[in-house]
Amino acid sequence: MPKAALVSGPSLSGVIQPVRIGFIPLADCAPLLVAKEQDLFRKHGVQVELSCEVGWATIREKLLYGQVDAAHAIAGLALAMRLGLSTPPSRVVAPFVFNLHGDAITLSRDLWNRGVRDAASLKKLIRSTTSRRLTFGMVSRYAAHHFLLRQWLISGGINPDQDVRIVALPPTQMAANMAAGLIDGYCVGEPWNSVAVDKAVGWIVATSEQLAPNHPEKVLLMNESFISSHLDQAQAITAALREACAFCDVLENRPEVVRILAASGYFLNGEAILKKSLIGPLDLGTGQSMDASAFHIFHRREANEPLNERGMWLLNQFVQHGLILATQRAEASEALRECWSADHLLPPAATAASKTKKTSPSLSA
């Protein structure tokens, strides 16, 4: 991995510099790299060090133990860490959303050759094949990728807990594992769907835009203690990222976004692969392509706001797919209210006033 990239800038009064932000090299980390390239962090008065990580488990552990101050993270990690799922309970918050959408489900070329075209035809293949159980990859139990994969399987009458095996893998290892025949499909963010298509080892059967329109994908995750101790830094970071997200969401700017990502050294597959989802058309590997203008939503549709309905979508996925029990909904609702809010970035007096006006969000399915 390339060494961490440092953005120098004037220090804010009374704070510790630089702020360390962990990220995974996916297309939706674009706002971070754009903010770095365009000196937006320095413009807003904060020095940032970007730390490229291998997978979401690493992001989670480094955030938990203070090795990074903030992270570009899967949205579900906020609620999972707050509830203490797979880790000690951690008072993390998600005051800013990087993007909506950005994932796809890719199946192996072998499945295509065996007649699979959708979830229903996959079900027929599974019923006729008893030699082995098919294996599918996703990036984390708490990621939209997991929920979308299970939803797609269920839509074809496939029981994701009995009929197939689902395993967690880092995004960067998905295409290679498929090429080696170790997995039969996966749900992952770009560019790793397009890599499989480009190498003729996979094809895209569905996108997250199709499966769950406007679902939250990545968030800026921070510890409450960091925000309370360094509020001005947290505000400066989100201001820079908001400006970068707005830039990334203008389709005319996408060629420059692709150039910045390719030049960063974090993406070894080149501009042509990054263009597939950021500019389009998105090659599905089936002889067809689709418009990519809404594949990544970085700023439109109030994308950067942790809106209640998007938080509710996450919580309902946790219940529906067995990550928490229905009897834990009230506890999870409180955890969601505490972590899924931009109020943490307000001055203390404004935060207190805002809390008096709010009630816990409705979590009806």
Foldseek 3Di string as FASTA:
>chain_A
DDAKDKQDAAADPPDDDDAEEEEELFLLCLLVLLLRVVVLLRVLHHIYIYDYDFAQVVVLVCQQVVVGFKYWHWPLVLLCLCVQPVHRRAQKFFQWFQWFWFKFKKFFVVVVVVPDQFLQVVVVVLVVDDPDAAEEEEADCRHVFVLLVCLRNVVNVHHQVPRHHYDHDGLVCVLVCLVVVNHGMYMDGPPSRLVNLVVNTIFTNTTVCVRPNRAGTITIMGGLVSCVSCLSSVVSVNVSSLVSLVQLLPLVNLVVSLVSSQVPPSDPPHSVSSCPQSNDQNGRSPPDTHGNSVNIRRPPPNRTGLDPVNLLVSLVSCDVVPVDDPVCSVVSLVSSVSHRHSLSSPPPVSSVVVVVPDDRDDNDD
